[in-house]
Amino acid sequence: MTEELEESRTTSVYEDYKFVTKTDLEKLNASHLIGTDTLRAYMHGYFMPMKKYRNLVAVADPFAYEKYKKT
């Protein structure tokens, strides 16, 4: 029975979303998105589409990938 549960692939509604808090949005300089259709409010934060989150991270720290490669 355990093996059957491991094999089954279930998808979540928010699988392609990233959970971010208000502090995370401020670090990404994206607090202006609060109240728009881009963010979905949930408990103490927001769900943001993963594609949008990756774009914001790339803009906020353009050399993050270079730092990652060096480490």
PDB file of N, CA and C in Angstrom:
ATOM      1  N   MET A   1       0.823  -1.182   0.000  1.00  0.00           N
ATOM      2  CA  MET A   1       0.000   0.000   0.000  1.00  0.00           C
ATOM      3  C   MET A   1       0.877   1.260   0.000  1.00  0.00           C
ATOM      4  N   THR A   2       1.962   1.237   0.737  1.00  0.00           N
ATOM      5  CA  THR A   2       2.855   2.393   0.777  1.00  0.00           C
ATOM      6  C   THR A   2       3.477   2.645  -0.584  1.00  0.00           C
ATOM      7  N   GLU A   3       3.854   1.588  -1.275  1.00  0.00           N
ATOM      8  CA  GLU A   3       4.451   1.742  -2.600  1.00  0.00           C
ATOM      9  C   GLU A   3       3.459   2.337  -3.583  1.00  0.00           C
ATOM     10  N   GLU A   4       2.189   1.964  -3.458  1.00  0.00           N
ATOM     11  CA  GLU A   4       1.179   2.513  -4.352  1.00  0.00           C
ATOM     12  C   GLU A   4       1.010   4.014  -4.127  1.00  0.00           C
ATOM     13  N   LEU A   5       1.093   4.442  -2.881  1.00  0.00           N
ATOM     14  CA  LEU A   5       0.965   5.871  -2.591  1.00  0.00           C
ATOM     15  C   LEU A   5       2.150   6.652  -3.126  1.00  0.00           C
ATOM     16  N   GLU A   6       3.345   6.067  -3.064  1.00  0.00           N
ATOM     17  CA  GLU A   6       4.534   6.742  -3.579  1.00  0.00           C
ATOM     18  C   GLU A   6       4.493   6.881  -5.089  1.00  0.00           C
ATOM     19  N   GLU A   7       3.906   5.922  -5.763  1.00  0.00           N
ATOM     20  CA  GLU A   7       3.860   5.936  -7.225  1.00  0.00           C
ATOM     21  C   GLU A   7       2.826   6.908  -7.765  1.00  0.00           C
ATOM     22  N   SER A   8       1.756   7.138  -7.020  1.00  0.00           N
ATOM     23  CA  SER A   8       0.718   8.024  -7.533  1.00  0.00           C
ATOM     24  C   SER A   8       1.202   9.460  -7.512  1.00  0.00           C
ATOM     25  N   ARG A   9       0.946  10.159  -8.587  1.00  0.00           N
ATOM     26  CA  ARG A   9       1.369  11.553  -8.735  1.00  0.00           C
ATOM     27  C   ARG A   9       0.141  12.432  -8.587  1.00  0.00           C
ATOM     28  N   THR A  10       0.089  13.188  -7.513  1.00  0.00           N
ATOM     29  CA  THR A  10      -1.019  14.115  -7.319  1.00  0.00           C
ATOM     30  C   THR A  10      -0.518  15.530  -7.552  1.00  0.00           C
ATOM     31  N   THR A  11      -1.336  16.329  -8.147  1.00  0.00           N
ATOM     32  CA  THR A  11      -0.954  17.715  -8.398  1.00  0.00           C
ATOM     33  C   THR A  11      -1.729  18.616  -7.457  1.00  0.00           C
ATOM     34  N   SER A  12      -1.087  19.657  -7.056  1.00  0.00           N
ATOM     35  CA  SER A  12      -1.692  20.635  -6.171  1.00  0.00           C
ATOM     36  C   SER A  12      -2.153  21.833  -6.995  1.00  0.00           C
ATOM     37  N   VAL A  13      -3.114  22.544  -6.480  1.00  0.00           N
ATOM     38  CA  VAL A  13      -3.615  23.735  -7.169  1.00  0.00           C
ATOM     39  C   VAL A  13      -2.511  24.780  -7.274  1.00  0.00           C
ATOM     40  N   TYR A  14      -1.682  24.873  -6.232  1.00  0.00           N
ATOM     41  CA  TYR A  14      -0.645  25.890  -6.183  1.00  0.00           C
ATOM     42  C   TYR A  14       0.739  25.330  -6.498  1.00  0.00           C
ATOM     43  N   GLU A  15       0.803  24.334  -7.339  1.00  0.00           N
ATOM     44  CA  GLU A  15       2.074  23.698  -7.671  1.00  0.00           C
ATOM     45  C   GLU A  15       3.019  24.643  -8.418  1.00  0.00           C
ATOM     46  N   ASP A  16       2.488  25.489  -9.277  1.00  0.00           N
ATOM     47  CA  ASP A  16       3.305  26.408 -10.066  1.00  0.00           C
ATOM     48  C   ASP A  16       3.377  27.797  -9.438  1.00  0.00           C
ATOM     49  N   TYR A  17       3.181  27.858  -8.128  1.00  0.00           N
ATOM     50  CA  TYR A  17       3.204  29.125  -7.420  1.00  0.00           C
ATOM     51  C   TYR A  17       4.243  29.087  -6.307  1.00  0.00           C
ATOM     52  N   LYS A  18       4.757  30.234  -5.966  1.00  0.00           N
ATOM     53  CA  LYS A  18       5.720  30.387  -4.880  1.00  0.00           C
ATOM     54  C   LYS A  18       5.057  31.190  -3.776  1.00  0.00           C
ATOM     55  N   PHE A  19       5.160  30.705  -2.534  1.00  0.00           N
ATOM     56  CA  PHE A  19       4.607  31.438  -1.403  1.00  0.00           C
ATOM     57  C   PHE A  19       5.615  32.483  -0.955  1.00  0.00           C
ATOM     58  N   VAL A  20       5.184  33.731  -0.887  1.00  0.00           N
ATOM     59  CA  VAL A  20       6.056  34.825  -0.454  1.00  0.00           C
ATOM     60  C   VAL A  20       5.342  35.632   0.634  1.00  0.00           C
ATOM     61  N   THR A  21       6.142  36.169   1.531  1.00  0.00           N
ATOM     62  CA  THR A  21       5.597  37.033   2.571  1.00  0.00           C
ATOM     63  C   THR A  21       5.782  38.492   2.157  1.00  0.00           C
ATOM     64  N   LYS A  22       5.242  39.384   2.943  1.00  0.00           N
ATOM     65  CA  LYS A  22       5.378  40.813   2.637  1.00  0.00           C
ATOM     66  C   LYS A  22       6.847  41.227   2.693  1.00  0.00           C
ATOM     67  N   THR A  23       7.609  40.633   3.620  1.00  0.00           N
ATOM     68  CA  THR A  23       9.042  40.922   3.720  1.00  0.00           C
ATOM     69  C   THR A  23       9.779  40.477   2.462  1.00  0.00           C
ATOM     70  N   ASP A  24       9.421  39.299   1.938  1.00  0.00           N
ATOM     71  CA  ASP A  24      10.032  38.813   0.700  1.00  0.00           C
ATOM     72  C   ASP A  24       9.747  39.765  -0.456  1.00  0.00           C
ATOM     73  N   LEU A  25       8.525  40.253  -0.507  1.00  0.00           N
ATOM     74  CA  LEU A  25       8.166  41.193  -1.577  1.00  0.00           C
ATOM     75  C   LEU A  25       8.953  42.497  -1.467  1.00  0.00           C
ATOM     76  N   GLU A  26       9.183  42.947  -0.256  1.00  0.00           N
ATOM     77  CA  GLU A  26       9.961  44.177  -0.070  1.00  0.00           C
ATOM     78  C   GLU A  26      11.412  43.966  -0.492  1.00  0.00           C
ATOM     79  N   LYS A  27      11.977  42.784  -0.223  1.00  0.00           N
ATOM     80  CA  LYS A  27      13.347  42.485  -0.637  1.00  0.00           C
ATOM     81  C   LYS A  27      13.473  42.442  -2.158  1.00  0.00           C
ATOM     82  N   LEU A  28      12.405  42.010  -2.822  1.00  0.00           N
ATOM     83  CA  LEU A  28      12.402  41.931  -4.282  1.00  0.00           C
ATOM     84  C   LEU A  28      11.935  43.230  -4.927  1.00  0.00           C
ATOM     85  N   ASN A  29      11.666  44.247  -4.116  1.00  0.00           N
ATOM     86  CA  ASN A  29      11.121  45.521  -4.613  1.00  0.00           C
ATOM     87  C   ASN A  29       9.835  45.301  -5.402  1.00  0.00           C
ATOM     88  N   ALA A  30       8.966  44.445  -4.875  1.00  0.00           N
ATOM     89  CA  ALA A  30       7.724  44.113  -5.566  1.00  0.00           C
ATOM     90  C   ALA A  30       6.500  44.341  -4.690  1.00  0.00           C
ATOM     91  N   SER A  31       6.628  45.176  -3.682  1.00  0.00           N
ATOM     92  CA  SER A  31       5.489  45.420  -2.796  1.00  0.00           C
ATOM     93  C   SER A  31       4.347  46.145  -3.519  1.00  0.00           C
ATOM     94  N   HIS A  32       4.647  46.738  -4.654  1.00  0.00           N
ATOM     95  CA  HIS A  32       3.611  47.406  -5.438  1.00  0.00           C
ATOM     96  C   HIS A  32       2.623  46.407  -6.060  1.00  0.00           C
ATOM     97  N   LEU A  33       2.955  45.114  -6.043  1.00  0.00           N
ATOM     98  CA  LEU A  33       2.076  44.091  -6.608  1.00  0.00           C
ATOM     99  C   LEU A  33       0.957  43.668  -5.662  1.00  0.00           C
ATOM    100  N   ILE A  34       1.036  44.098  -4.405  1.00  0.00           N
ATOM    101  CA  ILE A  34      -0.004  43.750  -3.436  1.00  0.00           C
ATOM    102  C   ILE A  34      -1.309  44.393  -3.877  1.00  0.00           C
ATOM    103  N   GLY A  35      -2.345  43.590  -3.962  1.00  0.00           N
ATOM    104  CA  GLY A  35      -3.649  44.069  -4.399  1.00  0.00           C
ATOM    105  C   GLY A  35      -3.899  43.869  -5.875  1.00  0.00           C
ATOM    106  N   THR A  36      -2.924  43.342  -6.607  1.00  0.00           N
ATOM    107  CA  THR A  36      -3.116  43.084  -8.038  1.00  0.00           C
ATOM    108  C   THR A  36      -3.486  41.615  -8.251  1.00  0.00           C
ATOM    109  N   ASP A  37      -3.811  41.275  -9.479  1.00  0.00           N
ATOM    110  CA  ASP A  37      -4.158  39.898  -9.810  1.00  0.00           C
ATOM    111  C   ASP A  37      -2.951  38.970  -9.809  1.00  0.00           C
ATOM    112  N   THR A  38      -1.752  39.511  -9.764  1.00  0.00           N
ATOM    113  CA  THR A  38      -0.537  38.701  -9.769  1.00  0.00           C
ATOM    114  C   THR A  38      -0.399  37.909  -8.481  1.00  0.00           C
ATOM    115  N   LEU A  39      -0.797  38.485  -7.361  1.00  0.00           N
ATOM    116  CA  LEU A  39      -0.658  37.837  -6.060  1.00  0.00           C
ATOM    117  C   LEU A  39      -2.012  37.339  -5.574  1.00  0.00           C
ATOM    118  N   ARG A  40      -1.987  36.154  -4.970  1.00  0.00           N
ATOM    119  CA  ARG A  40      -3.189  35.612  -4.344  1.00  0.00           C
ATOM    120  C   ARG A  40      -2.948  35.566  -2.845  1.00  0.00           C
ATOM    121  N   ALA A  41      -3.712  36.328  -2.103  1.00  0.00           N
ATOM    122  CA  ALA A  41      -3.534  36.395  -0.654  1.00  0.00           C
ATOM    123  C   ALA A  41      -3.869  35.057  -0.026  1.00  0.00           C
ATOM    124  N   TYR A  42      -3.010  34.637   0.921  1.00  0.00           N
ATOM    125  CA  TYR A  42      -3.236  33.391   1.642  1.00  0.00           C
ATOM    126  C   TYR A  42      -2.595  33.505   3.012  1.00  0.00           C
ATOM    127  N   MET A  43      -3.395  33.431   4.039  1.00  0.00           N
ATOM    128  CA  MET A  43      -2.979  33.512   5.441  1.00  0.00           C
ATOM    129  C   MET A  43      -2.044  34.699   5.684  1.00  0.00           C
ATOM    130  N   HIS A  44      -0.771  34.475   5.942  1.00  0.00           N
ATOM    131  CA  HIS A  44       0.151  35.563   6.279  1.00  0.00           C
ATOM    132  C   HIS A  44       1.064  35.942   5.120  1.00  0.00           C
ATOM    133  N   GLY A  45       0.677  35.603   3.899  1.00  0.00           N
ATOM    134  CA  GLY A  45       1.504  35.925   2.743  1.00  0.00           C
ATOM    135  C   GLY A  45       0.699  35.864   1.456  1.00  0.00           C
ATOM    136  N   TYR A  46       1.404  35.578   0.386  1.00  0.00           N
ATOM    137  CA  TYR A  46       0.783  35.570  -0.942  1.00  0.00           C
ATOM    138  C   TYR A  46       1.349  34.430  -1.778  1.00  0.00           C
ATOM    139  N   PHE A  47       0.560  33.971  -2.733  1.00  0.00           N
ATOM    140  CA  PHE A  47       1.045  33.043  -3.739  1.00  0.00           C
ATOM    141  C   PHE A  47       1.301  33.837  -5.012  1.00  0.00           C
ATOM    142  N   MET A  48       2.484  33.633  -5.584  1.00  0.00           N
ATOM    143  CA  MET A  48       2.903  34.321  -6.797  1.00  0.00           C
ATOM    144  C   MET A  48       3.267  33.272  -7.836  1.00  0.00           C
ATOM    145  N   PRO A  49       2.905  33.492  -9.106  1.00  0.00           N
ATOM    146  CA  PRO A  49       3.323  32.533 -10.135  1.00  0.00           C
ATOM    147  C   PRO A  49       4.840  32.374 -10.144  1.00  0.00           C
ATOM    148  N   MET A  50       5.292  31.135 -10.260  1.00  0.00           N
ATOM    149  CA  MET A  50       6.724  30.832 -10.185  1.00  0.00           C
ATOM    150  C   MET A  50       7.516  31.573 -11.256  1.00  0.00           C
ATOM    151  N   LYS A  51       6.950  31.708 -12.445  1.00  0.00           N
ATOM    152  CA  LYS A  51       7.642  32.413 -13.526  1.00  0.00           C
ATOM    153  C   LYS A  51       7.882  33.871 -13.159  1.00  0.00           C
ATOM    154  N   LYS A  52       6.880  34.509 -12.585  1.00  0.00           N
ATOM    155  CA  LYS A  52       7.007  35.906 -12.158  1.00  0.00           C
ATOM    156  C   LYS A  52       8.036  36.024 -11.037  1.00  0.00           C
ATOM    157  N   TYR A  53       8.029  35.071 -10.104  1.00  0.00           N
ATOM    158  CA  TYR A  53       8.984  35.091  -8.994  1.00  0.00           C
ATOM    159  C   TYR A  53      10.416  34.974  -9.507  1.00  0.00           C
ATOM    160  N   ARG A  54      10.653  34.066 -10.433  1.00  0.00           N
ATOM    161  CA  ARG A  54      12.004  33.903 -10.992  1.00  0.00           C
ATOM    162  C   ARG A  54      12.467  35.169 -11.706  1.00  0.00           C
ATOM    163  N   ASN A  55      11.565  35.822 -12.419  1.00  0.00           N
ATOM    164  CA  ASN A  55      11.917  37.076 -13.088  1.00  0.00           C
ATOM    165  C   ASN A  55      12.288  38.160 -12.076  1.00  0.00           C
ATOM    166  N   LEU A  56      11.533  38.259 -10.995  1.00  0.00           N
ATOM    167  CA  LEU A  56      11.831  39.265  -9.976  1.00  0.00           C
ATOM    168  C   LEU A  56      13.150  38.980  -9.273  1.00  0.00           C
ATOM    169  N   VAL A  57      13.453  37.715  -9.010  1.00  0.00           N
ATOM    170  CA  VAL A  57      14.717  37.356  -8.371  1.00  0.00           C
ATOM    171  C   VAL A  57      15.877  37.680  -9.305  1.00  0.00           C
ATOM    172  N   ALA A  58      15.701  37.415 -10.585  1.00  0.00           N
ATOM    173  CA  ALA A  58      16.755  37.703 -11.555  1.00  0.00           C
ATOM    174  C   ALA A  58      17.038  39.203 -11.644  1.00  0.00           C
ATOM    175  N   VAL A  59      16.019  40.012 -11.531  1.00  0.00           N
ATOM    176  CA  VAL A  59      16.193  41.456 -11.586  1.00  0.00           C
ATOM    177  C   VAL A  59      16.788  41.978 -10.275  1.00  0.00           C
ATOM    178  N   ALA A  60      16.348  41.432  -9.150  1.00  0.00           N
ATOM    179  CA  ALA A  60      16.813  41.901  -7.846  1.00  0.00           C
ATOM    180  C   ALA A  60      18.287  41.583  -7.618  1.00  0.00           C
ATOM    181  N   ASP A  61      18.749  40.412  -8.087  1.00  0.00           N
ATOM    182  CA  ASP A  61      20.149  40.021  -7.908  1.00  0.00           C
ATOM    183  C   ASP A  61      20.641  39.384  -9.211  1.00  0.00           C
ATOM    184  N   PRO A  62      21.065  40.203 -10.173  1.00  0.00           N
ATOM    185  CA  PRO A  62      21.421  39.670 -11.491  1.00  0.00           C
ATOM    186  C   PRO A  62      22.645  38.755 -11.492  1.00  0.00           C
ATOM    187  N   PHE A  63      23.490  38.830 -10.468  1.00  0.00           N
ATOM    188  CA  PHE A  63      24.690  37.998 -10.442  1.00  0.00           C
ATOM    189  C   PHE A  63      24.558  36.802  -9.511  1.00  0.00           C
ATOM    190  N   ALA A  64      23.351  36.448  -9.131  1.00  0.00           N
ATOM    191  CA  ALA A  64      23.121  35.326  -8.225  1.00  0.00           C
ATOM    192  C   ALA A  64      23.605  34.016  -8.847  1.00  0.00           C
ATOM    193  N   TYR A  65      23.377  33.828 -10.128  1.00  0.00           N
ATOM    194  CA  TYR A  65      23.784  32.588 -10.783  1.00  0.00           C
ATOM    195  C   TYR A  65      25.303  32.475 -10.810  1.00  0.00           C
ATOM    196  N   GLU A  66      25.998  33.570 -11.054  1.00  0.00           N
ATOM    197  CA  GLU A  66      27.467  33.565 -11.053  1.00  0.00           C
ATOM    198  C   GLU A  66      28.002  33.213  -9.670  1.00  0.00           C
ATOM    199  N   LYS A  67      27.380  33.779  -8.627  1.00  0.00           N
ATOM    200  CA  LYS A  67      27.770  33.448  -7.251  1.00  0.00           C
ATOM    201  C   LYS A  67      27.544  31.974  -6.970  1.00  0.00           C
ATOM    202  N   TYR A  68      26.420  31.450  -7.443  1.00  0.00           N
ATOM    203  CA  TYR A  68      26.090  30.038  -7.242  1.00  0.00           C
ATOM    204  C   TYR A  68      27.114  29.138  -7.932  1.00  0.00           C
ATOM    205  N   LYS A  69      27.526  29.496  -9.153  1.00  0.00           N
ATOM    206  CA  LYS A  69      28.506  28.690  -9.876  1.00  0.00           C
ATOM    207  C   LYS A  69      29.862  28.670  -9.162  1.00  0.00           C
ATOM    208  N   LYS A  70      30.245  29.803  -8.560  1.00  0.00           N
ATOM    209  CA  LYS A  70      31.513  29.878  -7.868  1.00  0.00           C
ATOM    210  C   LYS A  70      31.528  29.016  -6.604  1.00  0.00           C
ATOM    211  N   THR A  71      30.398  28.960  -5.924  1.00  0.00           N
ATOM    212  CA  THR A  71      30.350  28.145  -4.713  1.00  0.00           C
ATOM    213  C   THR A  71      30.208  26.699  -5.091  1.00  0.00           C
TER     214      THR A  71
END
